[in-house]
Structures are given as C-alpha cells and as structure tokens.
Amino acid sequence: MDYSALAAGAAALVKECGQPALLVRGAIGFPCDVLEDAKESLSIYSSSLRKDSLISEADRFFVLTGAVPAVGDHLVIGAVNLYVAAVRPLSPGATPIYYELRAT
C-alpha cells in the first residue's frame, strides 16, 4: 500500500497547526514543520514515563514533518535550540508518515 497520500496529509496538518522549525545536523539545516504536544498531555505523558527512566520535566515532545531527524540533531524553533534525544517514526509501510521527537 502507498502511504504517500497519508504523509502529505500529515505534513499539511502539521504545517497548518504547527510552526516552522529548522532541523540542524552538523553545519547543515533542514527546514521542517513541528507541532508540539499539548501541555496537558505532555505533563501526564512525561510523568508516567519519568519514573525510573531518562525522561525529565524539561523534555518536550513534537511531531515533525519535512525532514528526517536523528538522535543528536538540534531542533531550532524561533530562538530556542533543543537537542533531539529520541526519534520514533510512524511508518506503517515503507513511507514514514511523520516523526515523533523528544527534545531537551
């Protein structure tokens, strides 16, 4: 099955509801769009994962489209520079629909 239409739909939603960002790897920047998880779900989600894990209250969770992230990249949103600590693609087939990021 071809998931490119779903990926395009996800990209359009993130662009409409999210904000532009720059994914930086080394000296190269890749334009992308990000949507940050709601603060309510973030606090519940992070507190449930925080116990006995590496997740802290300072971590932020994002949905990213438009670039392929990797652990160690930096996500620049406005004047804020965040370190990408975890990446999980949503890819039911060979085409990633979007990426979920944990950044500090």
N, C-alpha and C. Protein backbone atom coordinates (compact mmCIF):
# COMPACT_ATOMS: atom_id res chain seq x y z
N MET A 1 0.84 -1.18 0.00
CA MET A 1 0.00 0.00 0.00
C MET A 1 0.89 1.25 0.00
N ASP A 2 0.46 2.26 -0.73
CA ASP A 2 1.21 3.51 -0.84
C ASP A 2 0.70 4.49 0.22
N TYR A 3 1.57 4.88 1.14
CA TYR A 3 1.20 5.79 2.22
C TYR A 3 1.58 7.23 1.95
N SER A 4 1.99 7.54 0.73
CA SER A 4 2.44 8.91 0.43
C SER A 4 1.31 9.93 0.58
N ALA A 5 0.05 9.54 0.30
CA ALA A 5 -1.07 10.46 0.49
C ALA A 5 -1.28 10.77 1.98
N LEU A 6 -1.12 9.76 2.83
CA LEU A 6 -1.23 9.99 4.28
C LEU A 6 -0.09 10.88 4.76
N ALA A 7 1.12 10.67 4.24
CA ALA A 7 2.26 11.51 4.63
C ALA A 7 2.02 12.95 4.21
N ALA A 8 1.46 13.16 3.02
CA ALA A 8 1.17 14.52 2.55
C ALA A 8 0.09 15.17 3.42
N GLY A 9 -0.92 14.38 3.81
CA GLY A 9 -1.96 14.91 4.70
C GLY A 9 -1.42 15.29 6.06
N ALA A 10 -0.55 14.44 6.61
CA ALA A 10 0.06 14.75 7.90
C ALA A 10 0.92 16.00 7.81
N ALA A 11 1.67 16.13 6.73
CA ALA A 11 2.53 17.31 6.54
C ALA A 11 1.68 18.58 6.45
N ALA A 12 0.55 18.49 5.75
CA ALA A 12 -0.32 19.67 5.63
C ALA A 12 -0.91 20.06 6.99
N LEU A 13 -1.32 19.06 7.79
CA LEU A 13 -1.87 19.35 9.12
C LEU A 13 -0.84 19.95 10.06
N VAL A 14 0.38 19.39 10.04
CA VAL A 14 1.43 19.92 10.91
C VAL A 14 1.80 21.33 10.48
N LYS A 15 1.85 21.57 9.18
CA LYS A 15 2.17 22.92 8.69
C LYS A 15 1.08 23.91 9.09
N GLU A 16 -0.19 23.50 8.99
CA GLU A 16 -1.31 24.38 9.31
C GLU A 16 -1.42 24.65 10.80
N CYS A 17 -1.25 23.62 11.61
CA CYS A 17 -1.47 23.76 13.06
C CYS A 17 -0.18 23.99 13.85
N GLY A 18 0.95 23.72 13.23
CA GLY A 18 2.23 23.82 13.94
C GLY A 18 2.97 25.09 13.59
N GLN A 19 4.29 24.97 13.59
CA GLN A 19 5.13 26.13 13.29
C GLN A 19 6.37 25.69 12.54
N PRO A 20 6.97 26.62 11.79
CA PRO A 20 8.20 26.26 11.07
C PRO A 20 9.36 26.10 12.05
N ALA A 21 10.28 25.23 11.69
CA ALA A 21 11.46 24.98 12.50
C ALA A 21 12.62 24.65 11.57
N LEU A 22 13.77 24.47 12.16
CA LEU A 22 14.96 24.08 11.42
C LEU A 22 15.59 22.91 12.15
N LEU A 23 15.81 21.82 11.43
CA LEU A 23 16.49 20.66 11.98
C LEU A 23 17.96 20.77 11.57
N VAL A 24 18.85 20.87 12.55
CA VAL A 24 20.27 21.12 12.27
C VAL A 24 21.08 19.87 12.58
N ARG A 25 21.84 19.42 11.58
CA ARG A 25 22.75 18.29 11.72
C ARG A 25 24.12 18.77 11.29
N GLY A 26 25.02 18.89 12.26
CA GLY A 26 26.33 19.46 11.97
C GLY A 26 26.17 20.92 11.59
N ALA A 27 26.64 21.28 10.41
CA ALA A 27 26.53 22.67 9.95
C ALA A 27 25.40 22.84 8.94
N ILE A 28 24.61 21.78 8.71
CA ILE A 28 23.55 21.83 7.69
C ILE A 28 22.19 21.93 8.37
N GLY A 29 21.35 22.83 7.87
CA GLY A 29 20.00 22.99 8.39
C GLY A 29 18.96 22.51 7.39
N PHE A 30 17.95 21.81 7.88
CA PHE A 30 16.87 21.29 7.05
C PHE A 30 15.56 21.92 7.49
N PRO A 31 14.88 22.70 6.62
CA PRO A 31 13.60 23.29 7.01
C PRO A 31 12.58 22.18 7.28
N CYS A 32 11.75 22.37 8.29
CA CYS A 32 10.73 21.40 8.64
C CYS A 32 9.60 22.13 9.35
N ASP A 33 8.57 21.39 9.70
CA ASP A 33 7.46 21.93 10.48
C ASP A 33 7.27 21.04 11.69
N VAL A 34 6.94 21.64 12.83
CA VAL A 34 6.75 20.88 14.06
C VAL A 34 5.44 21.27 14.73
N LEU A 35 4.88 20.31 15.42
CA LEU A 35 3.69 20.52 16.23
C LEU A 35 4.01 19.98 17.61
N GLU A 36 3.95 20.84 18.62
CA GLU A 36 4.27 20.40 19.98
C GLU A 36 3.04 19.80 20.63
N ASP A 37 3.25 18.72 21.39
CA ASP A 37 2.14 18.11 22.13
C ASP A 37 1.53 19.12 23.07
N ALA A 38 0.24 18.98 23.33
CA ALA A 38 -0.45 19.88 24.27
C ALA A 38 0.18 19.75 25.65
N LYS A 39 0.22 20.84 26.39
CA LYS A 39 0.84 20.84 27.71
C LYS A 39 0.17 19.86 28.66
N GLU A 40 -1.16 19.71 28.57
CA GLU A 40 -1.86 18.78 29.45
C GLU A 40 -1.42 17.34 29.20
N SER A 41 -1.40 16.94 27.95
CA SER A 41 -1.00 15.56 27.65
C SER A 41 0.49 15.38 27.90
N LEU A 42 1.29 16.44 27.69
CA LEU A 42 2.73 16.35 27.94
C LEU A 42 3.01 16.08 29.41
N SER A 43 2.34 16.80 30.30
CA SER A 43 2.63 16.60 31.72
C SER A 43 2.19 15.22 32.19
N ILE A 44 1.05 14.74 31.71
CA ILE A 44 0.60 13.39 32.09
C ILE A 44 1.52 12.34 31.48
N TYR A 45 1.84 12.52 30.20
CA TYR A 45 2.66 11.55 29.50
C TYR A 45 4.06 11.48 30.09
N SER A 46 4.66 12.64 30.31
CA SER A 46 6.04 12.63 30.80
C SER A 46 6.12 12.14 32.25
N SER A 47 5.10 12.44 33.07
CA SER A 47 5.17 11.97 34.45
C SER A 47 5.01 10.46 34.53
N SER A 48 4.22 9.89 33.63
CA SER A 48 4.07 8.44 33.64
C SER A 48 5.33 7.75 33.14
N LEU A 49 6.06 8.40 32.24
CA LEU A 49 7.30 7.81 31.72
C LEU A 49 8.53 8.19 32.54
N ARG A 50 8.41 9.27 33.30
CA ARG A 50 9.57 9.80 34.02
C ARG A 50 10.09 8.85 35.09
N LYS A 51 9.20 8.13 35.74
CA LYS A 51 9.61 7.24 36.83
C LYS A 51 10.55 6.16 36.30
N ASP A 52 11.73 6.07 36.88
CA ASP A 52 12.74 5.09 36.51
C ASP A 52 13.12 5.16 35.02
N SER A 53 13.15 6.35 34.45
CA SER A 53 13.54 6.49 33.05
C SER A 53 14.42 7.73 32.88
N LEU A 54 14.78 7.98 31.64
CA LEU A 54 15.62 9.14 31.33
C LEU A 54 14.82 10.38 30.97
N ILE A 55 13.48 10.28 31.02
CA ILE A 55 12.63 11.42 30.66
C ILE A 55 12.52 12.36 31.85
N SER A 56 12.70 13.66 31.58
CA SER A 56 12.62 14.65 32.66
C SER A 56 11.49 15.63 32.37
N GLU A 57 11.21 16.50 33.35
CA GLU A 57 10.16 17.51 33.18
C GLU A 57 10.54 18.53 32.11
N ALA A 58 11.82 18.68 31.83
CA ALA A 58 12.27 19.65 30.83
C ALA A 58 12.09 19.15 29.40
N ASP A 59 11.85 17.85 29.23
CA ASP A 59 11.70 17.30 27.89
C ASP A 59 10.42 17.80 27.24
N ARG A 60 10.50 18.00 25.93
CA ARG A 60 9.35 18.43 25.15
C ARG A 60 9.15 17.42 24.03
N PHE A 61 7.89 17.21 23.65
CA PHE A 61 7.55 16.22 22.64
C PHE A 61 6.96 16.92 21.42
N PHE A 62 7.39 16.49 20.22
CA PHE A 62 6.98 17.12 18.97
C PHE A 62 6.61 16.08 17.93
N VAL A 63 5.79 16.51 16.98
CA VAL A 63 5.55 15.78 15.74
C VAL A 63 6.25 16.61 14.66
N LEU A 64 7.05 15.95 13.83
CA LEU A 64 7.86 16.66 12.83
C LEU A 64 7.59 16.08 11.45
N THR A 65 7.48 16.97 10.46
CA THR A 65 7.39 16.57 9.06
C THR A 65 8.32 17.45 8.24
N GLY A 66 8.71 16.97 7.08
CA GLY A 66 9.52 17.78 6.17
C GLY A 66 11.01 17.48 6.20
N ALA A 67 11.48 16.74 7.20
CA ALA A 67 12.89 16.37 7.30
C ALA A 67 12.97 15.06 8.06
N VAL A 68 14.10 14.39 7.93
CA VAL A 68 14.31 13.11 8.62
C VAL A 68 15.25 13.36 9.80
N PRO A 69 14.72 13.32 11.03
CA PRO A 69 15.55 13.60 12.21
C PRO A 69 16.36 12.40 12.66
N ALA A 70 17.39 12.66 13.45
CA ALA A 70 18.20 11.62 14.07
C ALA A 70 18.58 12.09 15.47
N VAL A 71 18.82 11.13 16.34
CA VAL A 71 19.28 11.47 17.68
C VAL A 71 20.60 12.23 17.56
N GLY A 72 20.71 13.32 18.30
CA GLY A 72 21.91 14.15 18.24
C GLY A 72 21.72 15.41 17.41
N ASP A 73 20.67 15.46 16.60
CA ASP A 73 20.37 16.67 15.84
C ASP A 73 19.91 17.76 16.81
N HIS A 74 19.80 18.97 16.30
CA HIS A 74 19.24 20.08 17.07
C HIS A 74 18.01 20.59 16.34
N LEU A 75 16.97 20.87 17.11
CA LEU A 75 15.73 21.42 16.57
C LEU A 75 15.67 22.88 16.99
N VAL A 76 15.67 23.77 16.02
CA VAL A 76 15.66 25.20 16.30
C VAL A 76 14.27 25.74 15.96
N ILE A 77 13.58 26.23 17.00
CA ILE A 77 12.24 26.80 16.84
C ILE A 77 12.32 28.24 17.33
N GLY A 78 12.24 29.19 16.42
CA GLY A 78 12.45 30.59 16.79
C GLY A 78 13.86 30.75 17.30
N ALA A 79 14.01 31.22 18.54
CA ALA A 79 15.34 31.41 19.14
C ALA A 79 15.69 30.26 20.09
N VAL A 80 14.87 29.22 20.14
CA VAL A 80 15.09 28.10 21.06
C VAL A 80 15.80 26.97 20.32
N ASN A 81 16.90 26.51 20.90
CA ASN A 81 17.69 25.41 20.33
C ASN A 81 17.53 24.19 21.24
N LEU A 82 16.94 23.12 20.72
CA LEU A 82 16.69 21.91 21.51
C LEU A 82 17.49 20.74 20.96
N TYR A 83 17.99 19.91 21.86
CA TYR A 83 18.73 18.70 21.50
C TYR A 83 17.74 17.56 21.28
N VAL A 84 17.82 16.87 20.15
CA VAL A 84 16.93 15.74 19.86
C VAL A 84 17.47 14.51 20.58
N ALA A 85 16.71 14.04 21.59
CA ALA A 85 17.14 12.92 22.43
C ALA A 85 16.55 11.59 21.99
N ALA A 86 15.42 11.60 21.31
CA ALA A 86 14.79 10.36 20.86
C ALA A 86 13.95 10.65 19.62
N VAL A 87 13.92 9.68 18.71
CA VAL A 87 13.16 9.80 17.46
C VAL A 87 12.40 8.49 17.25
N ARG A 88 11.11 8.64 16.89
CA ARG A 88 10.33 7.45 16.56
C ARG A 88 9.49 7.77 15.33
N PRO A 89 9.75 7.09 14.21
CA PRO A 89 8.94 7.34 13.02
C PRO A 89 7.61 6.59 13.10
N LEU A 90 6.57 7.19 12.56
CA LEU A 90 5.31 6.48 12.36
C LEU A 90 5.32 6.07 10.90
N SER A 91 5.60 4.81 10.65
CA SER A 91 5.68 4.34 9.27
C SER A 91 5.07 2.95 9.17
N PRO A 92 3.77 2.89 8.89
CA PRO A 92 3.12 1.59 8.76
C PRO A 92 3.59 0.83 7.53
N GLY A 93 4.14 1.53 6.57
CA GLY A 93 4.69 0.91 5.37
C GLY A 93 6.12 1.40 5.19
N ALA A 94 6.55 1.47 3.97
CA ALA A 94 7.91 1.94 3.70
C ALA A 94 8.03 3.45 3.79
N THR A 95 6.91 4.16 3.75
CA THR A 95 6.91 5.63 3.78
C THR A 95 6.61 6.13 5.18
N PRO A 96 7.54 6.85 5.81
CA PRO A 96 7.22 7.46 7.12
C PRO A 96 6.14 8.53 6.96
N ILE A 97 5.12 8.47 7.83
CA ILE A 97 4.05 9.46 7.80
C ILE A 97 4.51 10.73 8.50
N TYR A 98 5.10 10.58 9.69
CA TYR A 98 5.69 11.69 10.44
C TYR A 98 6.64 11.10 11.47
N TYR A 99 7.35 11.97 12.19
CA TYR A 99 8.30 11.55 13.22
C TYR A 99 7.88 12.13 14.56
N GLU A 100 7.97 11.33 15.60
CA GLU A 100 7.75 11.82 16.95
C GLU A 100 9.12 12.05 17.57
N LEU A 101 9.31 13.21 18.20
CA LEU A 101 10.61 13.57 18.78
C LEU A 101 10.46 13.85 20.27
N ARG A 102 11.50 13.53 21.01
CA ARG A 102 11.66 14.02 22.39
C ARG A 102 12.90 14.87 22.37
N ALA A 103 12.75 16.13 22.76
CA ALA A 103 13.86 17.07 22.71
C ALA A 103 13.99 17.80 24.04
N THR A 104 15.23 18.16 24.38
CA THR A 104 15.51 18.86 25.61
C THR A 104 16.18 20.19 25.30
